[in-house]
N, C-alpha and C. Protein backbone atom coordinates (compact mmCIF):
# COMPACT_ATOMS: atom_id res chain seq x y z
N MET A 1 0.82 -1.19 0.00
CA MET A 1 0.00 0.00 0.00
C MET A 1 0.87 1.26 0.00
N ILE A 2 1.87 1.29 0.87
CA ILE A 2 2.75 2.47 0.95
C ILE A 2 3.50 2.66 -0.36
N LYS A 3 3.87 1.55 -0.99
CA LYS A 3 4.59 1.62 -2.26
C LYS A 3 3.72 2.32 -3.32
N LYS A 4 2.42 1.99 -3.37
CA LYS A 4 1.51 2.62 -4.33
C LYS A 4 1.33 4.11 -4.06
N VAL A 5 1.22 4.47 -2.80
CA VAL A 5 1.05 5.87 -2.43
C VAL A 5 2.29 6.68 -2.81
N LEU A 6 3.45 6.16 -2.51
CA LEU A 6 4.70 6.87 -2.84
C LEU A 6 4.90 6.99 -4.34
N SER A 7 4.56 5.93 -5.09
CA SER A 7 4.72 6.02 -6.55
C SER A 7 3.75 7.03 -7.14
N ALA A 8 2.54 7.14 -6.59
CA ALA A 8 1.57 8.12 -7.07
C ALA A 8 2.01 9.55 -6.78
N LEU A 9 2.71 9.74 -5.68
CA LEU A 9 3.19 11.08 -5.31
C LEU A 9 4.22 11.62 -6.30
N PHE A 10 5.02 10.73 -6.86
CA PHE A 10 6.12 11.17 -7.72
C PHE A 10 5.84 10.95 -9.21
N ARG A 11 4.64 10.51 -9.55
CA ARG A 11 4.26 10.32 -10.94
C ARG A 11 3.85 11.65 -11.56
N LYS A 12 4.12 11.81 -12.86
CA LYS A 12 3.69 13.02 -13.56
C LYS A 12 2.17 13.03 -13.67
N PRO A 13 1.55 14.20 -13.61
CA PRO A 13 0.08 14.25 -13.73
C PRO A 13 -0.38 13.85 -15.13
N ALA A 14 -1.58 13.26 -15.20
CA ALA A 14 -2.14 12.83 -16.48
C ALA A 14 -2.77 13.99 -17.25
N THR A 15 -3.01 15.09 -16.57
CA THR A 15 -3.64 16.24 -17.22
C THR A 15 -2.60 17.13 -17.88
N LYS A 16 -3.07 17.95 -18.81
CA LYS A 16 -2.19 18.90 -19.49
C LYS A 16 -2.52 20.31 -19.02
N LYS A 17 -1.53 21.16 -19.02
CA LYS A 17 -1.74 22.55 -18.62
C LYS A 17 -2.45 23.31 -19.73
N SER A 18 -3.28 24.27 -19.34
CA SER A 18 -4.03 25.08 -20.30
C SER A 18 -3.22 26.28 -20.78
N PHE A 19 -2.26 26.70 -19.98
CA PHE A 19 -1.49 27.89 -20.30
C PHE A 19 0.00 27.58 -20.25
N THR A 20 0.76 28.31 -21.04
CA THR A 20 2.22 28.22 -20.96
C THR A 20 2.69 29.11 -19.83
N LYS A 21 3.96 29.08 -19.54
CA LYS A 21 4.50 29.92 -18.47
C LYS A 21 4.34 31.40 -18.78
N SER A 22 4.30 31.76 -20.07
CA SER A 22 4.14 33.16 -20.45
C SER A 22 2.68 33.60 -20.45
N GLY A 23 1.75 32.68 -20.14
CA GLY A 23 0.33 33.04 -20.06
C GLY A 23 -0.45 32.81 -21.34
N GLU A 24 0.19 32.24 -22.36
CA GLU A 24 -0.50 31.97 -23.62
C GLU A 24 -1.21 30.62 -23.52
N PHE A 25 -2.28 30.47 -24.31
CA PHE A 25 -3.01 29.21 -24.34
C PHE A 25 -2.18 28.13 -25.01
N VAL A 26 -2.30 26.92 -24.50
CA VAL A 26 -1.70 25.77 -25.16
C VAL A 26 -2.65 25.37 -26.28
N PRO A 27 -2.16 25.16 -27.50
CA PRO A 27 -3.07 24.80 -28.59
C PRO A 27 -3.75 23.45 -28.33
N VAL A 28 -5.01 23.35 -28.74
CA VAL A 28 -5.76 22.11 -28.57
C VAL A 28 -5.72 21.33 -29.87
N SER A 29 -6.01 20.04 -29.81
CA SER A 29 -5.98 19.20 -31.00
C SER A 29 -7.14 19.54 -31.93
N GLU A 30 -7.03 19.14 -33.19
CA GLU A 30 -8.09 19.41 -34.17
C GLU A 30 -9.38 18.69 -33.82
N SER A 31 -9.29 17.57 -33.14
CA SER A 31 -10.49 16.80 -32.81
C SER A 31 -11.20 17.31 -31.56
N TYR A 32 -10.64 18.31 -30.90
CA TYR A 32 -11.25 18.85 -29.68
C TYR A 32 -12.59 19.50 -30.00
N ARG A 33 -13.60 19.23 -29.18
CA ARG A 33 -14.92 19.84 -29.34
C ARG A 33 -15.15 20.81 -28.19
N GLY A 34 -15.10 22.09 -28.51
CA GLY A 34 -15.32 23.13 -27.50
C GLY A 34 -16.74 23.64 -27.56
N LYS A 35 -16.90 24.92 -27.35
CA LYS A 35 -18.22 25.55 -27.32
C LYS A 35 -18.93 25.37 -28.67
N ILE A 36 -20.25 25.21 -28.59
CA ILE A 36 -21.06 24.98 -29.79
C ILE A 36 -21.22 26.27 -30.58
N ILE A 37 -21.06 26.14 -31.90
CA ILE A 37 -21.31 27.25 -32.83
C ILE A 37 -22.55 26.86 -33.64
N PHE A 38 -23.54 27.73 -33.65
CA PHE A 38 -24.79 27.45 -34.35
C PHE A 38 -25.08 28.55 -35.34
N ASP A 39 -25.38 28.18 -36.59
CA ASP A 39 -25.72 29.15 -37.63
C ASP A 39 -27.22 29.03 -37.92
N PRO A 40 -28.03 29.95 -37.40
CA PRO A 40 -29.49 29.85 -37.58
C PRO A 40 -29.92 30.01 -39.04
N ASP A 41 -29.10 30.66 -39.86
CA ASP A 41 -29.46 30.83 -41.27
C ASP A 41 -29.40 29.50 -42.04
N LEU A 42 -28.57 28.58 -41.59
CA LEU A 42 -28.47 27.27 -42.25
C LEU A 42 -29.49 26.27 -41.73
N CYS A 43 -30.01 26.51 -40.53
CA CYS A 43 -30.94 25.57 -39.89
C CYS A 43 -32.27 25.53 -40.63
N ILE A 44 -32.75 24.30 -40.92
CA ILE A 44 -34.03 24.13 -41.60
C ILE A 44 -35.13 23.65 -40.64
N GLY A 45 -34.78 23.50 -39.36
CA GLY A 45 -35.77 23.11 -38.36
C GLY A 45 -36.20 21.66 -38.43
N CYS A 46 -35.32 20.77 -38.85
CA CYS A 46 -35.67 19.35 -38.99
C CYS A 46 -35.70 18.61 -37.66
N LEU A 47 -35.14 19.19 -36.62
CA LEU A 47 -35.10 18.64 -35.26
C LEU A 47 -34.25 17.38 -35.11
N LEU A 48 -33.42 17.05 -36.10
CA LEU A 48 -32.55 15.89 -35.96
C LEU A 48 -31.57 16.06 -34.81
N CYS A 49 -31.12 17.28 -34.59
CA CYS A 49 -30.18 17.53 -33.49
C CYS A 49 -30.80 17.22 -32.14
N THR A 50 -32.06 17.60 -31.96
CA THR A 50 -32.72 17.35 -30.68
C THR A 50 -33.02 15.86 -30.48
N ARG A 51 -33.32 15.17 -31.56
CA ARG A 51 -33.63 13.74 -31.47
C ARG A 51 -32.39 12.88 -31.23
N THR A 52 -31.25 13.31 -31.74
CA THR A 52 -30.04 12.49 -31.61
C THR A 52 -29.19 12.86 -30.40
N CYS A 53 -29.50 13.96 -29.73
CA CYS A 53 -28.72 14.37 -28.55
C CYS A 53 -29.03 13.40 -27.40
N PRO A 54 -28.03 12.66 -26.91
CA PRO A 54 -28.30 11.67 -25.87
C PRO A 54 -28.65 12.27 -24.51
N THR A 55 -28.33 13.53 -24.28
CA THR A 55 -28.60 14.14 -22.97
C THR A 55 -29.73 15.15 -22.99
N GLY A 56 -30.30 15.42 -24.15
CA GLY A 56 -31.38 16.41 -24.25
C GLY A 56 -30.89 17.83 -24.03
N ALA A 57 -29.66 18.11 -24.43
CA ALA A 57 -29.07 19.43 -24.20
C ALA A 57 -29.53 20.48 -25.20
N ILE A 58 -30.23 20.06 -26.26
CA ILE A 58 -30.68 21.00 -27.29
C ILE A 58 -32.19 21.13 -27.20
N LYS A 59 -32.66 22.36 -27.07
CA LYS A 59 -34.09 22.64 -26.99
C LYS A 59 -34.46 23.61 -28.11
N ILE A 60 -35.55 23.32 -28.80
CA ILE A 60 -36.08 24.23 -29.82
C ILE A 60 -37.53 24.50 -29.46
N THR A 61 -37.85 25.77 -29.23
CA THR A 61 -39.21 26.15 -28.85
C THR A 61 -40.08 26.33 -30.08
N GLU A 62 -41.36 26.57 -29.86
CA GLU A 62 -42.30 26.74 -30.97
C GLU A 62 -41.97 27.95 -31.83
N ASN A 63 -41.40 28.99 -31.22
CA ASN A 63 -41.03 30.18 -32.01
C ASN A 63 -39.62 30.05 -32.58
N LYS A 64 -39.12 28.81 -32.68
CA LYS A 64 -37.84 28.46 -33.29
C LYS A 64 -36.62 29.05 -32.58
N LYS A 65 -36.74 29.26 -31.28
CA LYS A 65 -35.58 29.69 -30.49
C LYS A 65 -34.81 28.43 -30.10
N VAL A 66 -33.53 28.38 -30.45
CA VAL A 66 -32.69 27.21 -30.18
C VAL A 66 -31.81 27.50 -28.96
N THR A 67 -31.81 26.58 -28.00
CA THR A 67 -30.99 26.72 -26.80
C THR A 67 -30.11 25.48 -26.64
N PHE A 68 -28.82 25.70 -26.48
CA PHE A 68 -27.86 24.63 -26.19
C PHE A 68 -27.47 24.76 -24.73
N GLU A 69 -27.83 23.78 -23.92
CA GLU A 69 -27.51 23.80 -22.50
C GLU A 69 -26.18 23.07 -22.30
N LEU A 70 -25.10 23.85 -22.22
CA LEU A 70 -23.77 23.26 -22.16
C LEU A 70 -23.50 22.50 -20.87
N ASP A 71 -24.30 22.76 -19.83
CA ASP A 71 -24.12 21.99 -18.60
C ASP A 71 -24.64 20.56 -18.75
N LYS A 72 -25.46 20.31 -19.76
CA LYS A 72 -25.95 18.96 -20.05
C LYS A 72 -25.17 18.30 -21.18
N CYS A 73 -24.54 19.09 -22.02
CA CYS A 73 -23.85 18.59 -23.21
C CYS A 73 -22.63 17.76 -22.82
N ILE A 74 -22.46 16.61 -23.48
CA ILE A 74 -21.27 15.78 -23.26
C ILE A 74 -20.30 15.89 -24.44
N PHE A 75 -20.58 16.81 -25.36
CA PHE A 75 -19.71 17.12 -26.50
C PHE A 75 -19.40 15.88 -27.33
N CYS A 76 -20.42 15.05 -27.54
CA CYS A 76 -20.25 13.82 -28.31
C CYS A 76 -20.21 14.08 -29.81
N GLY A 77 -20.82 15.18 -30.26
CA GLY A 77 -20.81 15.53 -31.67
C GLY A 77 -21.95 14.92 -32.48
N GLN A 78 -22.90 14.25 -31.84
CA GLN A 78 -24.01 13.65 -32.57
C GLN A 78 -24.84 14.70 -33.30
N CYS A 79 -25.04 15.85 -32.67
CA CYS A 79 -25.83 16.92 -33.30
C CYS A 79 -25.15 17.40 -34.59
N LYS A 80 -23.86 17.58 -34.54
CA LYS A 80 -23.11 18.04 -35.72
C LYS A 80 -23.13 17.00 -36.83
N GLU A 81 -22.91 15.73 -36.47
CA GLU A 81 -22.87 14.66 -37.47
C GLU A 81 -24.21 14.46 -38.16
N ASN A 82 -25.32 14.69 -37.45
CA ASN A 82 -26.64 14.43 -38.01
C ASN A 82 -27.31 15.64 -38.64
N CYS A 83 -26.71 16.81 -38.53
CA CYS A 83 -27.31 18.01 -39.12
C CYS A 83 -27.09 17.99 -40.64
N PRO A 84 -28.18 17.93 -41.43
CA PRO A 84 -28.02 17.84 -42.88
C PRO A 84 -27.50 19.13 -43.53
N LYS A 85 -27.60 20.25 -42.86
CA LYS A 85 -27.18 21.53 -43.43
C LYS A 85 -25.92 22.10 -42.77
N ASN A 86 -25.27 21.32 -41.90
CA ASN A 86 -24.05 21.75 -41.20
C ASN A 86 -24.24 23.07 -40.45
N ALA A 87 -25.38 23.21 -39.80
CA ALA A 87 -25.66 24.42 -39.03
C ALA A 87 -24.99 24.40 -37.66
N ILE A 88 -24.49 23.23 -37.25
CA ILE A 88 -23.86 23.08 -35.93
C ILE A 88 -22.40 22.72 -36.10
N ASP A 89 -21.56 23.38 -35.33
CA ASP A 89 -20.12 23.09 -35.34
C ASP A 89 -19.61 23.29 -33.91
N PHE A 90 -18.37 22.98 -33.68
CA PHE A 90 -17.74 23.17 -32.38
C PHE A 90 -16.51 24.05 -32.54
N SER A 91 -16.31 24.96 -31.60
CA SER A 91 -15.12 25.80 -31.61
C SER A 91 -14.00 25.09 -30.86
N SER A 92 -12.83 25.70 -30.82
CA SER A 92 -11.73 25.15 -30.03
C SER A 92 -11.67 25.86 -28.68
N ASP A 93 -12.72 26.58 -28.33
CA ASP A 93 -12.80 27.33 -27.08
C ASP A 93 -13.01 26.37 -25.91
N PHE A 94 -12.08 26.37 -24.96
CA PHE A 94 -12.21 25.45 -23.84
C PHE A 94 -12.44 26.13 -22.51
N LEU A 95 -12.48 27.45 -22.49
CA LEU A 95 -12.75 28.18 -21.24
C LEU A 95 -14.25 28.45 -21.14
N MET A 96 -14.98 27.49 -20.57
CA MET A 96 -16.44 27.60 -20.49
C MET A 96 -16.93 27.45 -19.06
N VAL A 97 -16.14 27.83 -18.10
CA VAL A 97 -16.48 27.63 -16.69
C VAL A 97 -17.32 28.80 -16.18
N SER A 98 -18.35 28.47 -15.40
CA SER A 98 -19.19 29.50 -14.81
C SER A 98 -19.87 28.92 -13.58
N ARG A 99 -20.18 29.79 -12.63
CA ARG A 99 -20.94 29.36 -11.46
C ARG A 99 -22.44 29.55 -11.67
N ASN A 100 -22.81 30.17 -12.78
CA ASN A 100 -24.21 30.45 -13.09
C ASN A 100 -24.60 29.64 -14.33
N ARG A 101 -25.58 28.75 -14.20
CA ARG A 101 -25.99 27.91 -15.32
C ARG A 101 -26.51 28.71 -16.51
N GLU A 102 -27.13 29.83 -16.26
CA GLU A 102 -27.67 30.64 -17.35
C GLU A 102 -26.56 31.19 -18.24
N GLU A 103 -25.38 31.39 -17.69
CA GLU A 103 -24.26 31.93 -18.47
C GLU A 103 -23.70 30.92 -19.46
N ILE A 104 -23.90 29.64 -19.22
CA ILE A 104 -23.34 28.64 -20.13
C ILE A 104 -24.37 28.09 -21.10
N LYS A 105 -25.53 28.71 -21.17
CA LYS A 105 -26.52 28.35 -22.18
C LYS A 105 -26.29 29.23 -23.40
N THR A 106 -26.36 28.61 -24.56
CA THR A 106 -26.24 29.35 -25.81
C THR A 106 -27.61 29.38 -26.45
N SER A 107 -28.20 30.55 -26.56
CA SER A 107 -29.53 30.68 -27.15
C SER A 107 -29.45 31.49 -28.43
N VAL A 108 -30.20 31.04 -29.43
CA VAL A 108 -30.24 31.72 -30.72
C VAL A 108 -31.69 31.83 -31.14
N ASN A 109 -32.10 33.03 -31.55
CA ASN A 109 -33.47 33.22 -32.05
C ASN A 109 -33.53 32.93 -33.52
């Protein structure tokens, strides 16, 4: 037991730093899925994104207001893959932390 504890203390962390020593962002990989980008002009209202989202993070109201609840999103990319008009994409933005749930919702009219 002590051997495992001591080896864990001196092992390098599995996580990567977000910033360099000079304060610049560390570049993310091309496959990284950050904040959702939605283009309402391309959307045809087919609702495939809402049907394929495994967590129900995408809501479309009757007046066609689209809301992405990032606190529910697992960034799986199903919405993007199933959108026939490519109205949904992901940015490389990884700073999405907030203490207020309303701040991390993306709404588009």
